[in-house]
Amino acid sequence: MGWTWVCTDASGAVVSGMVAGEPPPSFPTQSDAESWLGESWRALLDSGVENVSLREDDRHIYGPMSLRPVE
């Protein structure tokens, strides 16, 4: 399974978080997962994702973390 992002909408419901028609992939390392999020957060936000949480296999690492920029 590896490192994955769980995407949720404003109500906290899990959503697919599609980017270019594809769900968030699984990554071999935390660094790879975080790099992908850094490149994809705007597209996730545009697709209805409000928050993300990082998981390694079945273990919660951190989140939920808002994708909205801090003003």
N, C-alpha and C. Protein backbone atom coordinates (compact mmCIF):
# COMPACT_ATOMS: atom_id res chain seq x y z
N MET A 1 0.82 -1.20 0.00
CA MET A 1 0.00 0.00 0.00
C MET A 1 0.86 1.26 0.00
N GLY A 2 1.76 1.42 0.93
CA GLY A 2 2.64 2.57 0.96
C GLY A 2 2.01 3.82 1.55
N TRP A 3 2.46 4.94 1.06
CA TRP A 3 2.02 6.24 1.54
C TRP A 3 0.89 6.75 0.65
N THR A 4 -0.21 7.15 1.27
CA THR A 4 -1.39 7.61 0.52
C THR A 4 -2.01 8.83 1.18
N TRP A 5 -2.72 9.60 0.37
CA TRP A 5 -3.48 10.75 0.86
C TRP A 5 -4.95 10.38 0.92
N VAL A 6 -5.58 10.71 2.04
CA VAL A 6 -7.03 10.58 2.17
C VAL A 6 -7.59 11.99 1.97
N CYS A 7 -8.46 12.14 0.99
CA CYS A 7 -9.01 13.44 0.62
C CYS A 7 -10.42 13.56 1.15
N THR A 8 -10.75 14.71 1.76
CA THR A 8 -12.10 14.94 2.27
C THR A 8 -12.63 16.27 1.78
N ASP A 9 -13.99 16.36 1.72
CA ASP A 9 -14.62 17.62 1.32
C ASP A 9 -14.87 18.47 2.57
N ALA A 10 -15.58 19.59 2.42
CA ALA A 10 -15.81 20.52 3.52
C ALA A 10 -16.59 19.88 4.67
N SER A 11 -17.41 18.88 4.38
CA SER A 11 -18.18 18.22 5.44
C SER A 11 -17.39 17.10 6.12
N GLY A 12 -16.21 16.78 5.62
CA GLY A 12 -15.39 15.72 6.17
C GLY A 12 -15.59 14.38 5.50
N ALA A 13 -16.46 14.34 4.48
CA ALA A 13 -16.69 13.09 3.76
C ALA A 13 -15.51 12.79 2.83
N VAL A 14 -15.11 11.54 2.77
CA VAL A 14 -14.02 11.12 1.90
C VAL A 14 -14.45 11.27 0.45
N VAL A 15 -13.59 11.89 -0.35
CA VAL A 15 -13.83 12.06 -1.79
C VAL A 15 -12.66 11.47 -2.55
N SER A 16 -12.87 11.25 -3.84
CA SER A 16 -11.82 10.60 -4.63
C SER A 16 -10.62 11.50 -4.87
N GLY A 17 -10.79 12.83 -4.88
CA GLY A 17 -9.65 13.71 -5.09
C GLY A 17 -8.99 13.51 -6.43
N MET A 18 -9.78 13.53 -7.47
CA MET A 18 -9.25 13.29 -8.81
C MET A 18 -8.34 14.43 -9.28
N VAL A 19 -7.22 14.08 -9.84
CA VAL A 19 -6.32 15.02 -10.50
C VAL A 19 -6.10 14.47 -11.90
N ALA A 20 -6.48 15.24 -12.89
CA ALA A 20 -6.37 14.81 -14.29
C ALA A 20 -7.08 13.47 -14.49
N GLY A 21 -8.23 13.31 -13.82
CA GLY A 21 -9.03 12.11 -13.99
C GLY A 21 -8.54 10.89 -13.24
N GLU A 22 -7.51 11.04 -12.44
CA GLU A 22 -6.94 9.91 -11.71
C GLU A 22 -7.00 10.16 -10.20
N PRO A 23 -7.28 9.13 -9.40
CA PRO A 23 -7.25 9.30 -7.95
C PRO A 23 -5.81 9.45 -7.46
N PRO A 24 -5.61 9.98 -6.25
CA PRO A 24 -4.25 10.08 -5.72
C PRO A 24 -3.57 8.72 -5.70
N PRO A 25 -2.35 8.65 -6.20
CA PRO A 25 -1.64 7.37 -6.21
C PRO A 25 -1.07 7.01 -4.84
N SER A 26 -0.52 5.83 -4.75
CA SER A 26 0.23 5.39 -3.58
C SER A 26 1.71 5.67 -3.87
N PHE A 27 2.46 6.00 -2.84
CA PHE A 27 3.86 6.38 -3.01
C PHE A 27 4.77 5.51 -2.17
N PRO A 28 6.02 5.31 -2.62
CA PRO A 28 6.95 4.46 -1.87
C PRO A 28 7.52 5.15 -0.62
N THR A 29 7.54 6.50 -0.61
CA THR A 29 8.10 7.22 0.53
C THR A 29 7.22 8.41 0.90
N GLN A 30 7.39 8.88 2.13
CA GLN A 30 6.67 10.07 2.58
C GLN A 30 7.07 11.28 1.74
N SER A 31 8.32 11.39 1.43
CA SER A 31 8.81 12.51 0.62
C SER A 31 8.14 12.55 -0.75
N ASP A 32 8.00 11.39 -1.39
CA ASP A 32 7.33 11.32 -2.69
C ASP A 32 5.88 11.76 -2.57
N ALA A 33 5.19 11.31 -1.51
CA ALA A 33 3.79 11.69 -1.31
C ALA A 33 3.66 13.19 -1.10
N GLU A 34 4.54 13.77 -0.29
CA GLU A 34 4.47 15.20 -0.02
C GLU A 34 4.84 16.03 -1.26
N SER A 35 5.76 15.56 -2.05
CA SER A 35 6.11 16.26 -3.30
C SER A 35 4.92 16.27 -4.26
N TRP A 36 4.24 15.13 -4.38
CA TRP A 36 3.05 15.06 -5.24
C TRP A 36 1.98 16.04 -4.77
N LEU A 37 1.77 16.11 -3.45
CA LEU A 37 0.76 17.04 -2.93
C LEU A 37 1.15 18.48 -3.25
N GLY A 38 2.43 18.79 -3.13
CA GLY A 38 2.90 20.14 -3.45
C GLY A 38 2.63 20.52 -4.89
N GLU A 39 2.65 19.56 -5.77
CA GLU A 39 2.39 19.81 -7.19
C GLU A 39 0.90 19.75 -7.53
N SER A 40 0.10 19.08 -6.70
CA SER A 40 -1.28 18.76 -7.06
C SER A 40 -2.35 19.45 -6.22
N TRP A 41 -1.98 20.18 -5.18
CA TRP A 41 -2.99 20.69 -4.25
C TRP A 41 -4.02 21.59 -4.92
N ARG A 42 -3.61 22.40 -5.90
CA ARG A 42 -4.57 23.30 -6.57
C ARG A 42 -5.61 22.50 -7.35
N ALA A 43 -5.17 21.48 -8.06
CA ALA A 43 -6.10 20.63 -8.82
C ALA A 43 -7.03 19.88 -7.87
N LEU A 44 -6.52 19.42 -6.73
CA LEU A 44 -7.36 18.76 -5.75
C LEU A 44 -8.43 19.72 -5.22
N LEU A 45 -8.01 20.92 -4.88
CA LEU A 45 -8.95 21.93 -4.39
C LEU A 45 -10.02 22.22 -5.43
N ASP A 46 -9.62 22.34 -6.69
CA ASP A 46 -10.57 22.59 -7.78
C ASP A 46 -11.55 21.43 -7.96
N SER A 47 -11.16 20.22 -7.56
CA SER A 47 -12.03 19.06 -7.72
C SER A 47 -12.92 18.81 -6.50
N GLY A 48 -12.86 19.72 -5.51
CA GLY A 48 -13.75 19.62 -4.35
C GLY A 48 -13.10 19.13 -3.07
N VAL A 49 -11.81 18.84 -3.12
CA VAL A 49 -11.09 18.42 -1.91
C VAL A 49 -10.78 19.66 -1.08
N GLU A 50 -11.10 19.60 0.21
CA GLU A 50 -10.80 20.70 1.13
C GLU A 50 -9.64 20.37 2.06
N ASN A 51 -9.54 19.10 2.45
CA ASN A 51 -8.54 18.68 3.42
C ASN A 51 -7.91 17.36 2.99
N VAL A 52 -6.68 17.14 3.43
CA VAL A 52 -6.00 15.87 3.18
C VAL A 52 -5.36 15.36 4.46
N SER A 53 -5.26 14.06 4.56
CA SER A 53 -4.55 13.41 5.65
C SER A 53 -3.61 12.38 5.04
N LEU A 54 -2.42 12.28 5.60
CA LEU A 54 -1.43 11.34 5.10
C LEU A 54 -1.47 10.06 5.93
N ARG A 55 -1.43 8.92 5.22
CA ARG A 55 -1.41 7.61 5.86
C ARG A 55 -0.24 6.79 5.30
N GLU A 56 0.33 5.99 6.17
CA GLU A 56 1.29 4.97 5.73
C GLU A 56 0.64 3.63 6.03
N ASP A 57 0.28 2.93 4.99
CA ASP A 57 -0.50 1.70 5.12
C ASP A 57 -1.76 2.02 5.93
N ASP A 58 -1.93 1.42 7.10
CA ASP A 58 -3.13 1.67 7.91
C ASP A 58 -2.88 2.66 9.05
N ARG A 59 -1.73 3.30 9.06
CA ARG A 59 -1.35 4.20 10.14
C ARG A 59 -1.55 5.66 9.73
N HIS A 60 -2.29 6.42 10.56
CA HIS A 60 -2.50 7.85 10.33
C HIS A 60 -1.21 8.59 10.69
N ILE A 61 -0.67 9.39 9.77
CA ILE A 61 0.58 10.12 10.02
C ILE A 61 0.28 11.56 10.46
N TYR A 62 -0.50 12.30 9.63
CA TYR A 62 -0.94 13.64 10.03
C TYR A 62 -2.13 14.08 9.20
N GLY A 63 -2.77 15.13 9.69
CA GLY A 63 -3.95 15.68 9.04
C GLY A 63 -5.16 15.48 9.92
N PRO A 64 -6.28 16.01 9.54
CA PRO A 64 -6.50 16.66 8.25
C PRO A 64 -5.81 18.03 8.17
N MET A 65 -5.38 18.34 6.97
CA MET A 65 -4.69 19.57 6.65
C MET A 65 -5.45 20.26 5.52
N SER A 66 -5.80 21.53 5.74
CA SER A 66 -6.54 22.28 4.74
C SER A 66 -5.69 22.54 3.50
N LEU A 67 -6.33 22.52 2.34
CA LEU A 67 -5.66 22.89 1.10
C LEU A 67 -5.82 24.37 0.79
N ARG A 68 -6.63 25.08 1.56
CA ARG A 68 -6.85 26.51 1.34
C ARG A 68 -5.62 27.29 1.78
N PRO A 69 -5.18 28.25 0.95
CA PRO A 69 -4.05 29.09 1.33
C PRO A 69 -4.38 29.93 2.56
N VAL A 70 -3.43 30.15 3.42
CA VAL A 70 -3.60 31.01 4.58
C VAL A 70 -3.55 32.45 4.11
N GLU A 71 -4.52 33.21 4.52
CA GLU A 71 -4.56 34.63 4.09
C GLU A 71 -4.08 35.54 5.15
